[in-house]
Amino acid sequence: MGNLEELPSFRVNGIAHRFIGYELGDFDRIQFMSNLKKTVESAVTIIGDIPYKQYTFIGIGPGQGGIEHLNNTTVSFDGRELNTADGMNSMMSFLAHEYFHHYNVKRIRPFELGPFDYDKENKTNLLWVSEGLSVYYEYLIVKRADLINEQTLLNNFESSINAFENNPGRFYQSLAQASYETWSDGPFGRQGENANKSISYYDKGPAVGLILDFVIRHATQNKQSLDDVMRLLYWQYYKKLKRGFTDAEFQQACETIAGISLASEFEYVYTTKELDYNTYLAYAVLKIDVQRATEKERRKFSINQIEKTGELQSAILQSWLTSQIKVQ
């Protein structure tokens, strides 16, 4: 309802996708919709299925945040921010996140998140999957859509890692606890005097996603990845069983795809064990460098490529950057 503008729609696999909004602002509408189509195509390729008959992005005016639904998302939108490359990249990343939620949250979902009991909190340990892995995939979706380059992708991961690693809360709260306690802490951790005793699953979640993806690729000689885990969850729990998955079932799905135990990696979810980035990044010829001029300054984490590489490690990096996955 209201004085709305509809932009030229596009189709993916024959399915119509629309963008309709309020006070959209001045920007290149043709370029924007072209980029949005590439973003949707990149996300659809991960799962290999479109479960709706039509999808609509609804811009509700300038502001912050978005809310996902089964066949649409309502998003804060200000087209005036799209007139720079950084502004366009940021918006596409945001829209990729909200769009991917129609898979990861609305269909691929923790057992507790539906059907909802609206008389009480619906607490779950798995918001790091629902939100943290959606951040992980928003980064990859725009890269695989060729909307950003490799360095921008790495910069995005650096941003999450720096936020997490410079937060003292990492010593006090696990990723599962941050998920479960979001009802009291808020989605970005506690505020005020207790701010340094909590973390955000938006920050640690994509870092753990990176670790899980690389260990799966390494264990399977680059034949499987976290993408395969997401597809397994979609087809097994949403399509076949028509329900969400439990904590144990999510870990089991990861281990099924990896073909090995991931008990050590899931300690990063259920404990405050420090993340061993370099062990896992090395699987894809990458490493973490840390800089700090003085003890009082924040540490600066940067992701760089290792000079001497093996054939498997190089293949893992390239497939991670460009994966085009088989469709069910």
C-alpha atoms as a PDB file:
ATOM      1  CA  MET A   1       0.000   0.000   0.000  1.00  0.00           C
ATOM      2  CA  GLY A   2       1.250   3.472  -0.788  1.00  0.00           C
ATOM      3  CA  ASN A   3       2.943   5.422  -3.581  1.00  0.00           C
ATOM      4  CA  LEU A   4       5.108   2.573  -4.843  1.00  0.00           C
ATOM      5  CA  GLU A   5       7.364   2.110  -7.854  1.00  0.00           C
ATOM      6  CA  GLU A   6       7.920  -1.231  -9.576  1.00  0.00           C
ATOM      7  CA  LEU A   7      11.204  -1.815 -11.369  1.00  0.00           C
ATOM      8  CA  PRO A   8      11.515  -4.001 -14.512  1.00  0.00           C
ATOM      9  CA  SER A   9      11.170  -7.609 -13.358  1.00  0.00           C
ATOM     10  CA  PHE A  10      13.402 -10.510 -14.368  1.00  0.00           C
ATOM     11  CA  ARG A  11      13.020 -14.283 -14.547  1.00  0.00           C
ATOM     12  CA  VAL A  12      15.236 -17.031 -13.152  1.00  0.00           C
ATOM     13  CA  ASN A  13      14.395 -20.553 -14.345  1.00  0.00           C
ATOM     14  CA  GLY A  14      11.129 -19.126 -15.632  1.00  0.00           C
ATOM     15  CA  ILE A  15      10.141 -17.697 -12.222  1.00  0.00           C
ATOM     16  CA  ALA A  16       9.332 -13.967 -11.986  1.00  0.00           C
ATOM     17  CA  HIS A  17      11.276 -11.807  -9.526  1.00  0.00           C
ATOM     18  CA  ARG A  18      10.127  -8.270  -8.785  1.00  0.00           C
ATOM     19  CA  PHE A  19      11.405  -5.234  -6.912  1.00  0.00           C
ATOM     20  CA  ILE A  20       8.769  -2.815  -5.642  1.00  0.00           C
ATOM     21  CA  GLY A  21       9.451   0.042  -3.255  1.00  0.00           C
ATOM     22  CA  TYR A  22       8.682   3.359  -1.646  1.00  0.00           C
ATOM     23  CA  GLU A  23      10.787   6.473  -2.355  1.00  0.00           C
ATOM     24  CA  LEU A  24      13.499   4.441  -4.059  1.00  0.00           C
ATOM     25  CA  GLY A  25      15.717   7.432  -4.824  1.00  0.00           C
ATOM     26  CA  ASP A  26      17.897   8.290  -7.826  1.00  0.00           C
ATOM     27  CA  PHE A  27      20.087   5.444  -9.163  1.00  0.00           C
ATOM     28  CA  ASP A  28      20.700   3.336 -12.275  1.00  0.00           C
ATOM     29  CA  ARG A  29      17.670   1.059 -12.152  1.00  0.00           C
ATOM     30  CA  ILE A  30      18.716  -1.085 -15.122  1.00  0.00           C
ATOM     31  CA  GLN A  31      22.157  -1.821 -13.652  1.00  0.00           C
ATOM     32  CA  PHE A  32      20.661  -2.472 -10.232  1.00  0.00           C
ATOM     33  CA  MET A  33      18.179  -5.048 -11.539  1.00  0.00           C
ATOM     34  CA  SER A  34      20.868  -6.687 -13.671  1.00  0.00           C
ATOM     35  CA  ASN A  35      23.045  -7.087 -10.563  1.00  0.00           C
ATOM     36  CA  LEU A  36      20.091  -8.349  -8.543  1.00  0.00           C
ATOM     37  CA  LYS A  37      19.335 -10.997 -11.152  1.00  0.00           C
ATOM     38  CA  LYS A  38      22.940 -12.218 -11.018  1.00  0.00           C
ATOM     39  CA  THR A  39      22.688 -12.330  -7.220  1.00  0.00           C
ATOM     40  CA  VAL A  40      19.509 -14.417  -7.271  1.00  0.00           C
ATOM     41  CA  GLU A  41      20.952 -16.777  -9.892  1.00  0.00           C
ATOM     42  CA  SER A  42      24.077 -17.259  -7.791  1.00  0.00           C
ATOM     43  CA  ALA A  43      22.031 -18.080  -4.686  1.00  0.00           C
ATOM     44  CA  VAL A  44      19.694 -20.452  -6.541  1.00  0.00           C
ATOM     45  CA  THR A  45      22.701 -22.335  -7.920  1.00  0.00           C
ATOM     46  CA  ILE A  46      23.789 -23.269  -4.376  1.00  0.00           C
ATOM     47  CA  ILE A  47      20.589 -25.172  -3.575  1.00  0.00           C
ATOM     48  CA  GLY A  48      19.447 -26.101  -7.090  1.00  0.00           C
ATOM     49  CA  ASP A  49      15.729 -25.518  -6.545  1.00  0.00           C
ATOM     50  CA  ILE A  50      13.267 -22.612  -6.547  1.00  0.00           C
ATOM     51  CA  PRO A  51      10.442 -23.396  -4.099  1.00  0.00           C
ATOM     52  CA  TYR A  52       8.122 -20.460  -4.864  1.00  0.00           C
ATOM     53  CA  LYS A  53       6.000 -19.319  -7.830  1.00  0.00           C
ATOM     54  CA  GLN A  54       7.023 -15.644  -7.622  1.00  0.00           C
ATOM     55  CA  TYR A  55       9.421 -13.624  -5.469  1.00  0.00           C
ATOM     56  CA  THR A  56       9.209  -9.949  -4.500  1.00  0.00           C
ATOM     57  CA  PHE A  57      11.757  -7.619  -2.930  1.00  0.00           C
ATOM     58  CA  ILE A  58       9.820  -4.885  -1.094  1.00  0.00           C
ATOM     59  CA  GLY A  59      11.747  -1.679  -0.365  1.00  0.00           C
ATOM     60  CA  ILE A  60      10.187   0.152   2.585  1.00  0.00           C
ATOM     61  CA  GLY A  61      12.322   3.305   2.482  1.00  0.00           C
ATOM     62  CA  PRO A  62      15.604   4.350   4.128  1.00  0.00           C
ATOM     63  CA  GLY A  63      16.529   2.670   7.393  1.00  0.00           C
ATOM     64  CA  GLN A  64      18.193  -0.478   8.673  1.00  0.00           C
ATOM     65  CA  GLY A  65      17.453  -4.176   8.359  1.00  0.00           C
ATOM     66  CA  GLY A  66      15.169  -6.572   6.549  1.00  0.00           C
ATOM     67  CA  ILE A  67      12.691  -9.367   7.259  1.00  0.00           C
ATOM     68  CA  GLU A  68      12.531 -12.576   5.244  1.00  0.00           C
ATOM     69  CA  HIS A  69       9.399 -14.477   4.215  1.00  0.00           C
ATOM     70  CA  LEU A  70       8.694 -17.578   2.121  1.00  0.00           C
ATOM     71  CA  ASN A  71       8.397 -15.731  -1.197  1.00  0.00           C
ATOM     72  CA  ASN A  72       9.455 -12.155  -0.459  1.00  0.00           C
ATOM     73  CA  THR A  73      11.544  -9.947   1.765  1.00  0.00           C
ATOM     74  CA  THR A  74      10.893  -6.470   3.103  1.00  0.00           C
ATOM     75  CA  VAL A  75      14.089  -4.424   3.194  1.00  0.00           C
ATOM     76  CA  SER A  76      15.207  -0.962   4.148  1.00  0.00           C
ATOM     77  CA  PHE A  77      16.331   0.630   0.902  1.00  0.00           C
ATOM     78  CA  ASP A  78      17.824   3.941  -0.197  1.00  0.00           C
ATOM     79  CA  GLY A  79      18.791   4.034  -3.865  1.00  0.00           C
ATOM     80  CA  ARG A  80      20.945   7.110  -3.337  1.00  0.00           C
ATOM     81  CA  GLU A  81      23.501   4.793  -1.708  1.00  0.00           C
ATOM     82  CA  LEU A  82      23.940   2.873  -4.986  1.00  0.00           C
ATOM     83  CA  ASN A  83      25.801   5.561  -6.901  1.00  0.00           C
ATOM     84  CA  THR A  84      29.232   4.335  -5.794  1.00  0.00           C
ATOM     85  CA  ALA A  85      30.818   0.915  -6.303  1.00  0.00           C
ATOM     86  CA  ASP A  86      31.038   0.385  -2.537  1.00  0.00           C
ATOM     87  CA  GLY A  87      27.411   1.374  -2.105  1.00  0.00           C
ATOM     88  CA  MET A  88      26.241  -1.016  -4.806  1.00  0.00           C
ATOM     89  CA  ASN A  89      28.402  -3.848  -3.398  1.00  0.00           C
ATOM     90  CA  SER A  90      27.046  -3.272   0.092  1.00  0.00           C
ATOM     91  CA  MET A  91      23.435  -3.296  -1.104  1.00  0.00           C
ATOM     92  CA  MET A  92      23.893  -6.459  -3.173  1.00  0.00           C
ATOM     93  CA  SER A  93      25.492  -8.202  -0.205  1.00  0.00           C
ATOM     94  CA  PHE A  94      22.557  -7.139   2.000  1.00  0.00           C
ATOM     95  CA  LEU A  95      19.967  -8.288  -0.556  1.00  0.00           C
ATOM     96  CA  ALA A  96      21.853 -11.575  -1.048  1.00  0.00           C
ATOM     97  CA  HIS A  97      21.620 -12.162   2.710  1.00  0.00           C
ATOM     98  CA  GLU A  98      17.894 -11.448   2.889  1.00  0.00           C
ATOM     99  CA  TYR A  99      17.164 -13.447  -0.252  1.00  0.00           C
ATOM    100  CA  PHE A 100      19.179 -16.471   0.926  1.00  0.00           C
ATOM    101  CA  HIS A 101      17.037 -16.491   4.068  1.00  0.00           C
ATOM    102  CA  HIS A 102      14.125 -17.903   2.055  1.00  0.00           C
ATOM    103  CA  TYR A 103      16.279 -21.036   1.972  1.00  0.00           C
ATOM    104  CA  ASN A 104      18.273 -20.720   5.192  1.00  0.00           C
ATOM    105  CA  VAL A 105      15.716 -19.876   7.923  1.00  0.00           C
ATOM    106  CA  LYS A 106      12.357 -20.196   6.205  1.00  0.00           C
ATOM    107  CA  ARG A 107      13.025 -23.703   4.845  1.00  0.00           C
ATOM    108  CA  ILE A 108      16.428 -24.869   6.095  1.00  0.00           C
ATOM    109  CA  ARG A 109      15.717 -24.186   9.746  1.00  0.00           C
ATOM    110  CA  PRO A 110      16.442 -25.229  13.314  1.00  0.00           C
ATOM    111  CA  PHE A 111      13.764 -27.467  14.809  1.00  0.00           C
ATOM    112  CA  GLU A 112      12.695 -24.753  17.266  1.00  0.00           C
ATOM    113  CA  LEU A 113      11.979 -22.159  14.562  1.00  0.00           C
ATOM    114  CA  GLY A 114       8.549 -23.294  13.476  1.00  0.00           C
ATOM    115  CA  PRO A 115       5.811 -23.987  13.981  1.00  0.00           C
ATOM    116  CA  PHE A 116       6.183 -21.145  16.482  1.00  0.00           C
ATOM    117  CA  ASP A 117       4.668 -20.901  19.933  1.00  0.00           C
ATOM    118  CA  TYR A 118       3.852 -17.203  20.073  1.00  0.00           C
ATOM    119  CA  ASP A 119       3.173 -17.326  23.816  1.00  0.00           C
ATOM    120  CA  LYS A 120       6.866 -17.755  24.676  1.00  0.00           C
ATOM    121  CA  GLU A 121      10.391 -17.369  23.370  1.00  0.00           C
ATOM    122  CA  ASN A 122      11.464 -19.929  20.763  1.00  0.00           C
ATOM    123  CA  LYS A 123      15.057 -20.421  21.873  1.00  0.00           C
ATOM    124  CA  THR A 124      17.625 -22.287  19.781  1.00  0.00           C
ATOM    125  CA  ASN A 125      21.380 -22.878  19.791  1.00  0.00           C
ATOM    126  CA  LEU A 126      21.439 -22.626  16.019  1.00  0.00           C
ATOM    127  CA  LEU A 127      20.997 -18.965  15.130  1.00  0.00           C
ATOM    128  CA  TRP A 128      24.650 -19.047  14.148  1.00  0.00           C
ATOM    129  CA  VAL A 129      23.526 -21.340  11.304  1.00  0.00           C
ATOM    130  CA  SER A 130      20.465 -19.284  10.416  1.00  0.00           C
ATOM    131  CA  GLU A 131      22.198 -15.892  10.538  1.00  0.00           C
ATOM    132  CA  GLY A 132      25.943 -16.543  10.719  1.00  0.00           C
ATOM    133  CA  LEU A 133      25.950 -18.888   7.732  1.00  0.00           C
ATOM    134  CA  SER A 134      23.670 -16.501   5.844  1.00  0.00           C
ATOM    135  CA  VAL A 135      26.394 -13.881   6.289  1.00  0.00           C
ATOM    136  CA  TYR A 136      28.889 -16.479   5.073  1.00  0.00           C
ATOM    137  CA  TYR A 137      26.834 -17.093   1.964  1.00  0.00           C
ATOM    138  CA  GLU A 138      26.040 -13.460   1.251  1.00  0.00           C
ATOM    139  CA  TYR A 139      29.790 -12.936   0.825  1.00  0.00           C
ATOM    140  CA  LEU A 140      30.130 -15.943  -1.482  1.00  0.00           C
ATOM    141  CA  ILE A 141      26.965 -15.250  -3.479  1.00  0.00           C
ATOM    142  CA  VAL A 142      28.067 -11.812  -4.678  1.00  0.00           C
ATOM    143  CA  LYS A 143      31.558 -13.118  -5.489  1.00  0.00           C
ATOM    144  CA  ARG A 144      30.228 -16.079  -7.458  1.00  0.00           C
ATOM    145  CA  ALA A 145      27.910 -13.654  -9.267  1.00  0.00           C
ATOM    146  CA  ASP A 146      31.060 -11.762 -10.354  1.00  0.00           C
ATOM    147  CA  LEU A 147      29.863  -8.585  -8.669  1.00  0.00           C
ATOM    148  CA  ILE A 148      32.964  -8.326  -6.466  1.00  0.00           C
ATOM    149  CA  ASN A 149      36.543  -9.510  -6.851  1.00  0.00           C
ATOM    150  CA  GLU A 150      38.515 -11.956  -4.710  1.00  0.00           C
ATOM    151  CA  GLN A 151      40.118  -9.229  -2.594  1.00  0.00           C
ATOM    152  CA  THR A 152      36.749  -7.703  -1.714  1.00  0.00           C
ATOM    153  CA  LEU A 153      35.520 -11.158  -0.692  1.00  0.00           C
ATOM    154  CA  LEU A 154      38.507 -11.626   1.601  1.00  0.00           C
ATOM    155  CA  ASN A 155      38.009  -8.107   2.976  1.00  0.00           C
ATOM    156  CA  ASN A 156      34.444  -9.043   3.903  1.00  0.00           C
ATOM    157  CA  PHE A 157      35.649 -12.064   5.874  1.00  0.00           C
ATOM    158  CA  GLU A 158      38.372  -9.960   7.474  1.00  0.00           C
ATOM    159  CA  SER A 159      35.704  -7.555   8.704  1.00  0.00           C
ATOM    160  CA  SER A 160      33.822 -10.351  10.493  1.00  0.00           C
ATOM    161  CA  ILE A 161      37.000 -11.869  11.919  1.00  0.00           C
ATOM    162  CA  ASN A 162      38.314  -8.528  13.180  1.00  0.00           C
ATOM    163  CA  ALA A 163      35.009  -7.745  14.885  1.00  0.00           C
ATOM    164  CA  PHE A 164      34.990 -11.112  16.628  1.00  0.00           C
ATOM    165  CA  GLU A 165      38.678 -11.365  17.532  1.00  0.00           C
ATOM    166  CA  ASN A 166      38.776  -7.870  19.055  1.00  0.00           C
ATOM    167  CA  ASN A 167      35.761  -8.595  21.241  1.00  0.00           C
ATOM    168  CA  PRO A 168      36.718  -9.797  24.778  1.00  0.00           C
ATOM    169  CA  GLY A 169      33.356 -11.546  24.893  1.00  0.00           C
ATOM    170  CA  ARG A 170      34.865 -14.423  22.904  1.00  0.00           C
ATOM    171  CA  PHE A 171      36.378 -15.681  26.178  1.00  0.00           C
ATOM    172  CA  TYR A 172      33.000 -15.673  27.961  1.00  0.00           C
ATOM    173  CA  GLN A 173      30.336 -16.812  25.510  1.00  0.00           C
ATOM    174  CA  SER A 174      30.220 -19.640  22.967  1.00  0.00           C
ATOM    175  CA  LEU A 175      28.543 -19.433  19.592  1.00  0.00           C
ATOM    176  CA  ALA A 176      25.723 -21.710  20.738  1.00  0.00           C
ATOM    177  CA  GLN A 177      25.216 -19.598  23.865  1.00  0.00           C
ATOM    178  CA  ALA A 178      25.103 -16.399  21.815  1.00  0.00           C
ATOM    179  CA  SER A 179      22.350 -18.006  19.737  1.00  0.00           C
ATOM    180  CA  TYR A 180      20.330 -19.237  22.707  1.00  0.00           C
ATOM    181  CA  GLU A 181      20.663 -16.018  24.712  1.00  0.00           C
ATOM    182  CA  THR A 182      19.754 -13.633  21.896  1.00  0.00           C
ATOM    183  CA  TRP A 183      16.356 -13.110  23.561  1.00  0.00           C
ATOM    184  CA  SER A 184      18.087 -11.355  26.456  1.00  0.00           C
ATOM    185  CA  ASP A 185      21.350 -10.194  24.816  1.00  0.00           C
ATOM    186  CA  GLY A 186      20.023  -9.009  21.468  1.00  0.00           C
ATOM    187  CA  PRO A 187      21.298 -10.269  18.090  1.00  0.00           C
ATOM    188  CA  PHE A 188      24.560  -8.306  18.320  1.00  0.00           C
ATOM    189  CA  GLY A 189      25.444  -9.179  21.915  1.00  0.00           C
ATOM    190  CA  ARG A 190      24.927  -7.444  25.237  1.00  0.00           C
ATOM    191  CA  GLN A 191      25.132  -3.691  25.547  1.00  0.00           C
ATOM    192  CA  GLY A 192      26.313  -1.417  28.356  1.00  0.00           C
ATOM    193  CA  GLU A 193      28.615  -2.642  31.117  1.00  0.00           C
ATOM    194  CA  ASN A 194      28.287  -6.293  30.038  1.00  0.00           C
ATOM    195  CA  ALA A 195      29.071  -5.640  26.373  1.00  0.00           C
ATOM    196  CA  ASN A 196      32.481  -7.293  26.677  1.00  0.00           C
ATOM    197  CA  LYS A 197      31.049 -10.585  27.943  1.00  0.00           C
ATOM    198  CA  SER A 198      29.097 -11.613  24.852  1.00  0.00           C
ATOM    199  CA  ILE A 199      29.615 -12.063  21.123  1.00  0.00           C
ATOM    200  CA  SER A 200      27.579 -11.727  17.944  1.00  0.00           C
ATOM    201  CA  TYR A 201      26.834 -14.811  15.866  1.00  0.00           C
ATOM    202  CA  TYR A 202      26.858 -12.445  12.885  1.00  0.00           C
ATOM    203  CA  ASP A 203      30.628 -12.125  13.425  1.00  0.00           C
ATOM    204  CA  LYS A 204      31.761 -15.558  14.621  1.00  0.00           C
ATOM    205  CA  GLY A 205      29.223 -17.471  12.504  1.00  0.00           C
ATOM    206  CA  PRO A 206      30.821 -16.735   9.105  1.00  0.00           C
ATOM    207  CA  ALA A 207      34.288 -17.482  10.544  1.00  0.00           C
ATOM    208  CA  VAL A 208      33.122 -20.928  11.682  1.00  0.00           C
ATOM    209  CA  GLY A 209      31.405 -21.383   8.323  1.00  0.00           C
ATOM    210  CA  LEU A 210      34.755 -20.786   6.651  1.00  0.00           C
ATOM    211  CA  ILE A 211      36.393 -23.421   8.844  1.00  0.00           C
ATOM    212  CA  LEU A 212      33.653 -25.999   8.198  1.00  0.00           C
ATOM    213  CA  ASP A 213      33.702 -25.398   4.447  1.00  0.00           C
ATOM    214  CA  PHE A 214      37.461 -25.770   4.125  1.00  0.00           C
ATOM    215  CA  VAL A 215      37.733 -28.844   6.354  1.00  0.00           C
ATOM    216  CA  ILE A 216      34.975 -30.554   4.323  1.00  0.00           C
ATOM    217  CA  ARG A 217      36.661 -29.670   1.029  1.00  0.00           C
ATOM    218  CA  HIS A 218      40.011 -30.910   2.336  1.00  0.00           C
ATOM    219  CA  ALA A 219      38.622 -34.158   3.782  1.00  0.00           C
ATOM    220  CA  THR A 220      36.806 -35.033   0.536  1.00  0.00           C
ATOM    221  CA  GLN A 221      39.608 -34.061  -1.861  1.00  0.00           C
ATOM    222  CA  ASN A 222      37.475 -31.103  -2.972  1.00  0.00           C
ATOM    223  CA  LYS A 223      34.549 -33.316  -3.987  1.00  0.00           C
ATOM    224  CA  GLN A 224      32.161 -31.931  -1.311  1.00  0.00           C
ATOM    225  CA  SER A 225      31.670 -28.619   0.478  1.00  0.00           C
ATOM    226  CA  LEU A 226      29.428 -26.715   2.871  1.00  0.00           C
ATOM    227  CA  ASP A 227      27.161 -26.177  -0.148  1.00  0.00           C
ATOM    228  CA  ASP A 228      26.466 -29.917  -0.084  1.00  0.00           C
ATOM    229  CA  VAL A 229      25.534 -29.671   3.598  1.00  0.00           C
ATOM    230  CA  MET A 230      23.011 -26.924   2.849  1.00  0.00           C
ATOM    231  CA  ARG A 231      21.524 -28.977   0.026  1.00  0.00           C
ATOM    232  CA  LEU A 232      21.318 -32.072   2.224  1.00  0.00           C
ATOM    233  CA  LEU A 233      19.452 -30.098   4.893  1.00  0.00           C
ATOM    234  CA  TYR A 234      17.107 -28.610   2.290  1.00  0.00           C
ATOM    235  CA  TRP A 235      16.200 -31.877   0.575  1.00  0.00           C
ATOM    236  CA  GLN A 236      16.200 -34.099   3.670  1.00  0.00           C
ATOM    237  CA  TYR A 237      14.546 -31.946   6.311  1.00  0.00           C
ATOM    238  CA  TYR A 238      12.489 -29.379   4.379  1.00  0.00           C
ATOM    239  CA  LYS A 239      11.474 -31.419   1.348  1.00  0.00           C
ATOM    240  CA  LYS A 240      11.312 -34.965   2.715  1.00  0.00           C
ATOM    241  CA  LEU A 241      10.716 -34.760   6.477  1.00  0.00           C
ATOM    242  CA  LYS A 242       9.028 -31.329   6.370  1.00  0.00           C
ATOM    243  CA  ARG A 243      10.580 -30.204   9.653  1.00  0.00           C
ATOM    244  CA  GLY A 244      13.580 -28.444  11.099  1.00  0.00           C
ATOM    245  CA  PHE A 245      16.766 -30.130  12.287  1.00  0.00           C
ATOM    246  CA  THR A 246      18.257 -30.474  15.764  1.00  0.00           C
ATOM    247  CA  ASP A 247      21.750 -29.483  16.908  1.00  0.00           C
ATOM    248  CA  ALA A 248      22.906 -33.103  16.603  1.00  0.00           C
ATOM    249  CA  GLU A 249      21.350 -33.482  13.154  1.00  0.00           C
ATOM    250  CA  PHE A 250      23.152 -30.406  11.853  1.00  0.00           C
ATOM    251  CA  GLN A 251      26.514 -31.751  13.020  1.00  0.00           C
ATOM    252  CA  GLN A 252      25.625 -35.169  11.635  1.00  0.00           C
ATOM    253  CA  ALA A 253      24.837 -33.595   8.241  1.00  0.00           C
ATOM    254  CA  CYS A 254      28.245 -31.895   8.197  1.00  0.00           C
ATOM    255  CA  GLU A 255      30.001 -35.138   9.158  1.00  0.00           C
ATOM    256  CA  THR A 256      28.055 -37.138   6.577  1.00  0.00           C
ATOM    257  CA  ILE A 257      29.221 -34.826   3.821  1.00  0.00           C
ATOM    258  CA  ALA A 258      32.794 -34.641   5.174  1.00  0.00           C
ATOM    259  CA  GLY A 259      33.049 -38.392   5.744  1.00  0.00           C
ATOM    260  CA  ILE A 260      34.943 -37.781   9.006  1.00  0.00           C
ATOM    261  CA  SER A 261      34.243 -36.746  12.578  1.00  0.00           C
ATOM    262  CA  LEU A 262      34.091 -32.972  13.020  1.00  0.00           C
ATOM    263  CA  ALA A 263      33.995 -33.090  16.827  1.00  0.00           C
ATOM    264  CA  SER A 264      37.078 -30.864  17.039  1.00  0.00           C
ATOM    265  CA  GLU A 265      35.597 -28.253  14.685  1.00  0.00           C
ATOM    266  CA  PHE A 266      32.282 -28.168  16.566  1.00  0.00           C
ATOM    267  CA  GLU A 267      34.168 -27.216  19.718  1.00  0.00           C
ATOM    268  CA  TYR A 268      34.280 -23.787  18.040  1.00  0.00           C
ATOM    269  CA  VAL A 269      30.480 -23.785  18.324  1.00  0.00           C
ATOM    270  CA  TYR A 270      29.930 -25.126  21.830  1.00  0.00           C
ATOM    271  CA  THR A 271      33.010 -23.808  23.660  1.00  0.00           C
ATOM    272  CA  THR A 272      35.112 -20.660  23.698  1.00  0.00           C
ATOM    273  CA  LYS A 273      38.131 -22.425  22.199  1.00  0.00           C
ATOM    274  CA  GLU A 274      40.225 -20.025  20.138  1.00  0.00           C
ATOM    275  CA  LEU A 275      39.781 -20.409  16.384  1.00  0.00           C
ATOM    276  CA  ASP A 276      42.794 -21.944  14.631  1.00  0.00           C
ATOM    277  CA  TYR A 277      42.346 -20.090  11.349  1.00  0.00           C
ATOM    278  CA  ASN A 278      45.640 -20.978   9.705  1.00  0.00           C
ATOM    279  CA  THR A 279      45.172 -24.751   9.875  1.00  0.00           C
ATOM    280  CA  TYR A 280      41.985 -24.467   7.831  1.00  0.00           C
ATOM    281  CA  LEU A 281      42.877 -21.535   5.600  1.00  0.00           C
ATOM    282  CA  ALA A 282      45.996 -23.427   4.493  1.00  0.00           C
ATOM    283  CA  TYR A 283      43.685 -25.995   2.876  1.00  0.00           C
ATOM    284  CA  ALA A 284      42.888 -23.247   0.342  1.00  0.00           C
ATOM    285  CA  VAL A 285      46.387 -21.675   0.127  1.00  0.00           C
ATOM    286  CA  LEU A 286      45.379 -18.867   2.471  1.00  0.00           C
ATOM    287  CA  LYS A 287      46.662 -17.644   5.828  1.00  0.00           C
ATOM    288  CA  ILE A 288      45.878 -15.095   8.539  1.00  0.00           C
ATOM    289  CA  ASP A 289      48.371 -12.369   9.369  1.00  0.00           C
ATOM    290  CA  VAL A 290      47.947 -10.386  12.592  1.00  0.00           C
ATOM    291  CA  GLN A 291      49.302  -6.913  13.244  1.00  0.00           C
ATOM    292  CA  ARG A 292      49.255  -4.748  16.340  1.00  0.00           C
ATOM    293  CA  ALA A 293      51.547  -1.803  16.992  1.00  0.00           C
ATOM    294  CA  THR A 294      51.048  -1.729  20.779  1.00  0.00           C
ATOM    295  CA  GLU A 295      49.340  -3.890  23.394  1.00  0.00           C
ATOM    296  CA  LYS A 296      46.564  -1.301  23.746  1.00  0.00           C
ATOM    297  CA  GLU A 297      45.666  -1.237  20.061  1.00  0.00           C
ATOM    298  CA  ARG A 298      43.157  -3.520  18.396  1.00  0.00           C
ATOM    299  CA  ARG A 299      44.641  -6.418  16.502  1.00  0.00           C
ATOM    300  CA  LYS A 300      44.303  -6.249  12.730  1.00  0.00           C
ATOM    301  CA  PHE A 301      43.640  -9.569  10.992  1.00  0.00           C
ATOM    302  CA  SER A 302      44.232  -9.871   7.261  1.00  0.00           C
ATOM    303  CA  ILE A 303      43.800 -12.858   4.929  1.00  0.00           C
ATOM    304  CA  ASN A 304      46.603 -13.407   2.428  1.00  0.00           C
ATOM    305  CA  GLN A 305      47.637 -16.096  -0.007  1.00  0.00           C
ATOM    306  CA  ILE A 306      50.437 -18.544   0.715  1.00  0.00           C
ATOM    307  CA  GLU A 307      53.127 -18.412  -1.959  1.00  0.00           C
ATOM    308  CA  LYS A 308      53.982 -22.108  -2.248  1.00  0.00           C
ATOM    309  CA  THR A 309      50.889 -24.123  -3.010  1.00  0.00           C
ATOM    310  CA  GLY A 310      49.845 -27.668  -3.782  1.00  0.00           C
ATOM    311  CA  GLU A 311      47.513 -28.768  -6.557  1.00  0.00           C
ATOM    312  CA  LEU A 312      44.659 -29.742  -4.218  1.00  0.00           C
ATOM    313  CA  GLN A 313      44.914 -26.533  -2.194  1.00  0.00           C
ATOM    314  CA  SER A 314      44.808 -24.378  -5.332  1.00  0.00           C
ATOM    315  CA  ALA A 315      41.813 -26.332  -6.625  1.00  0.00           C
ATOM    316  CA  ILE A 316      39.978 -25.832  -3.321  1.00  0.00           C
ATOM    317  CA  LEU A 317      40.503 -22.067  -3.482  1.00  0.00           C
ATOM    318  CA  GLN A 318      39.258 -21.806  -7.058  1.00  0.00           C
ATOM    319  CA  SER A 319      36.187 -23.984  -6.521  1.00  0.00           C
ATOM    320  CA  TRP A 320      35.342 -22.070  -3.332  1.00  0.00           C
ATOM    321  CA  LEU A 321      35.461 -18.801  -5.269  1.00  0.00           C
ATOM    322  CA  THR A 322      33.499 -19.970  -8.295  1.00  0.00           C
ATOM    323  CA  SER A 323      31.479 -23.070  -7.344  1.00  0.00           C
ATOM    324  CA  GLN A 324      28.788 -23.944  -9.837  1.00  0.00           C
ATOM    325  CA  ILE A 325      26.989 -26.829  -8.175  1.00  0.00           C
ATOM    326  CA  LYS A 326      25.047 -29.729  -9.567  1.00  0.00           C
ATOM    327  CA  VAL A 327      21.263 -29.307  -9.560  1.00  0.00           C
ATOM    328  CA  GLN A 328      18.983 -31.932  -8.017  1.00  0.00           C
END
